[in-house]
Amino acid sequence: MSEPSAADISDFLAALAGRDPSDPDGYADLMTRKADLLERIAAARPGDADAAEVAANARARAEQLTSTDR
């Protein structure tokens, strides 16, 4: 897993800025992308407990949003 590039982050931010607020599935997809990026950042910094915690929280929220039980 490689650290995200500036282009990866820029693409995510552009998608976030252009999202349709009335589309909950689109929001869930974006939060999954966010979790992916944060996990890649945390993986590139194995000693950074804060980065790992932020990534874990983002993944938990993304999974909550994409759960079929919502």
C-alpha atoms as a PDB file:
ATOM      1  CA  MET A   1       0.000   0.000   0.000  1.00  0.00           C
ATOM      2  CA  SER A   2       1.607   3.266  -1.060  1.00  0.00           C
ATOM      3  CA  GLU A   3       1.127   6.709   0.390  1.00  0.00           C
ATOM      4  CA  PRO A   4      -1.445   8.700  -1.601  1.00  0.00           C
ATOM      5  CA  SER A   5      -0.113  11.253  -4.025  1.00  0.00           C
ATOM      6  CA  ALA A   6      -1.153  14.875  -4.168  1.00  0.00           C
ATOM      7  CA  ALA A   7      -3.181  13.953  -7.259  1.00  0.00           C
ATOM      8  CA  ASP A   8      -5.036  11.228  -5.300  1.00  0.00           C
ATOM      9  CA  ILE A   9      -5.970  13.712  -2.609  1.00  0.00           C
ATOM     10  CA  SER A  10      -6.866  16.394  -5.147  1.00  0.00           C
ATOM     11  CA  ASP A  11      -9.143  13.968  -7.011  1.00  0.00           C
ATOM     12  CA  PHE A  12     -10.895  13.062  -3.765  1.00  0.00           C
ATOM     13  CA  LEU A  13     -11.374  16.716  -2.795  1.00  0.00           C
ATOM     14  CA  ALA A  14     -12.759  17.548  -6.243  1.00  0.00           C
ATOM     15  CA  ALA A  15     -15.231  14.679  -5.980  1.00  0.00           C
ATOM     16  CA  LEU A  16     -16.215  15.810  -2.488  1.00  0.00           C
ATOM     17  CA  ALA A  17     -16.754  19.385  -3.662  1.00  0.00           C
ATOM     18  CA  GLY A  18     -18.846  18.220  -6.603  1.00  0.00           C
ATOM     19  CA  ARG A  19     -21.009  15.721  -4.739  1.00  0.00           C
ATOM     20  CA  ASP A  20     -24.788  15.772  -4.854  1.00  0.00           C
ATOM     21  CA  PRO A  21     -25.925  16.334  -1.253  1.00  0.00           C
ATOM     22  CA  SER A  22     -29.158  14.455  -1.937  1.00  0.00           C
ATOM     23  CA  ASP A  23     -27.304  11.250  -2.923  1.00  0.00           C
ATOM     24  CA  PRO A  24     -26.555   9.179   0.195  1.00  0.00           C
ATOM     25  CA  ASP A  25     -24.908   6.393  -1.829  1.00  0.00           C
ATOM     26  CA  GLY A  26     -22.547   8.885  -3.424  1.00  0.00           C
ATOM     27  CA  TYR A  27     -21.649  10.199   0.022  1.00  0.00           C
ATOM     28  CA  ALA A  28     -20.978   6.671   1.283  1.00  0.00           C
ATOM     29  CA  ASP A  29     -18.708   6.041  -1.708  1.00  0.00           C
ATOM     30  CA  LEU A  30     -16.781   9.229  -0.965  1.00  0.00           C
ATOM     31  CA  MET A  31     -16.372   8.279   2.685  1.00  0.00           C
ATOM     32  CA  THR A  32     -15.026   4.903   1.576  1.00  0.00           C
ATOM     33  CA  ARG A  33     -12.503   6.699  -0.633  1.00  0.00           C
ATOM     34  CA  LYS A  34     -11.589   8.942   2.303  1.00  0.00           C
ATOM     35  CA  ALA A  35     -11.012   5.911   4.523  1.00  0.00           C
ATOM     36  CA  ASP A  36      -8.844   4.338   1.811  1.00  0.00           C
ATOM     37  CA  LEU A  37      -6.698   7.478   1.595  1.00  0.00           C
ATOM     38  CA  LEU A  38      -6.352   7.769   5.364  1.00  0.00           C
ATOM     39  CA  GLU A  39      -5.399   4.093   5.664  1.00  0.00           C
ATOM     40  CA  ARG A  40      -2.702   4.591   3.042  1.00  0.00           C
ATOM     41  CA  ILE A  41      -1.381   7.609   4.951  1.00  0.00           C
ATOM     42  CA  ALA A  42      -1.371   5.634   8.218  1.00  0.00           C
ATOM     43  CA  ALA A  43       0.374   2.679   6.575  1.00  0.00           C
ATOM     44  CA  ALA A  44       3.151   5.002   5.399  1.00  0.00           C
ATOM     45  CA  ARG A  45       3.625   6.175   9.006  1.00  0.00           C
ATOM     46  CA  PRO A  46       3.660   2.977  11.063  1.00  0.00           C
ATOM     47  CA  GLY A  47       4.655   4.718  14.300  1.00  0.00           C
ATOM     48  CA  ASP A  48       1.950   7.374  14.131  1.00  0.00           C
ATOM     49  CA  ALA A  49      -0.826   6.268  16.497  1.00  0.00           C
ATOM     50  CA  ASP A  50      -2.937   9.333  15.695  1.00  0.00           C
ATOM     51  CA  ALA A  51      -2.904   8.585  11.962  1.00  0.00           C
ATOM     52  CA  ALA A  52      -3.887   4.989  12.684  1.00  0.00           C
ATOM     53  CA  GLU A  53      -6.747   6.108  14.928  1.00  0.00           C
ATOM     54  CA  VAL A  54      -8.075   8.608  12.382  1.00  0.00           C
ATOM     55  CA  ALA A  55      -7.926   5.954   9.657  1.00  0.00           C
ATOM     56  CA  ALA A  56      -9.716   3.400  11.840  1.00  0.00           C
ATOM     57  CA  ASN A  57     -12.459   5.898  12.687  1.00  0.00           C
ATOM     58  CA  ALA A  58     -12.888   6.796   9.022  1.00  0.00           C
ATOM     59  CA  ARG A  59     -13.129   3.116   8.047  1.00  0.00           C
ATOM     60  CA  ALA A  60     -15.697   2.455  10.786  1.00  0.00           C
ATOM     61  CA  ARG A  61     -17.832   5.356   9.570  1.00  0.00           C
ATOM     62  CA  ALA A  62     -17.536   4.270   5.935  1.00  0.00           C
ATOM     63  CA  GLU A  63     -18.602   0.752   6.862  1.00  0.00           C
ATOM     64  CA  GLN A  64     -21.517   2.166   8.835  1.00  0.00           C
ATOM     65  CA  LEU A  65     -22.624   4.164   5.789  1.00  0.00           C
ATOM     66  CA  THR A  66     -22.322   1.212   3.421  1.00  0.00           C
ATOM     67  CA  SER A  67     -23.927  -1.337   5.734  1.00  0.00           C
ATOM     68  CA  THR A  68     -27.054  -2.980   4.346  1.00  0.00           C
ATOM     69  CA  ASP A  69     -28.586  -2.610   7.819  1.00  0.00           C
ATOM     70  CA  ARG A  70     -28.681   1.188   7.826  1.00  0.00           C
END
